[in-house]
């Protein structure tokens, strides 16, 4: 069975339960509604005691959407390292996140970047990629994941 610190990426779309707690009853009552969960969503395994008896499924919750609860077939998720999780969290589009994960070269490239690395940057509204130098690697306020800041060389 899986432990709560294990992170996953969803490889196929699913429908999960979204649990909403009632504020007027001090959170003692909860309403569960179906919620779509798209491939590329990042998930975290729940405690071993809360895992299903069926070893072909893993109980997970959303990392970004904490109210999501899902029992997922093991073939529909892939385990992530902490570094992979942090890199993928910075990609806000589920589909772009999924594509980045599936194209392993892009994740490997992100892992090997360091301050001073030469990069090419796609800038919204400009049709060509621009050369740049990585000047920042880390977290941003109000954001999860590992972000990169590049100085453009123009």
Foldseek 3Di string as FASTA:
>chain_A
DDAQAWKKFFQAKDKWWFWDADVVVVRPDIDTDIDIDGGQFMWTFYHPVPADPPPQWTWIAGPVRRRTTDTGGPVRIDIDDPQLVQALQVDPDSVVSNVCVVVVVNSVVVVPDDFQDWDWADDPPDPDTFIWTWHDWQDDPPGGHIDTDTDTDD
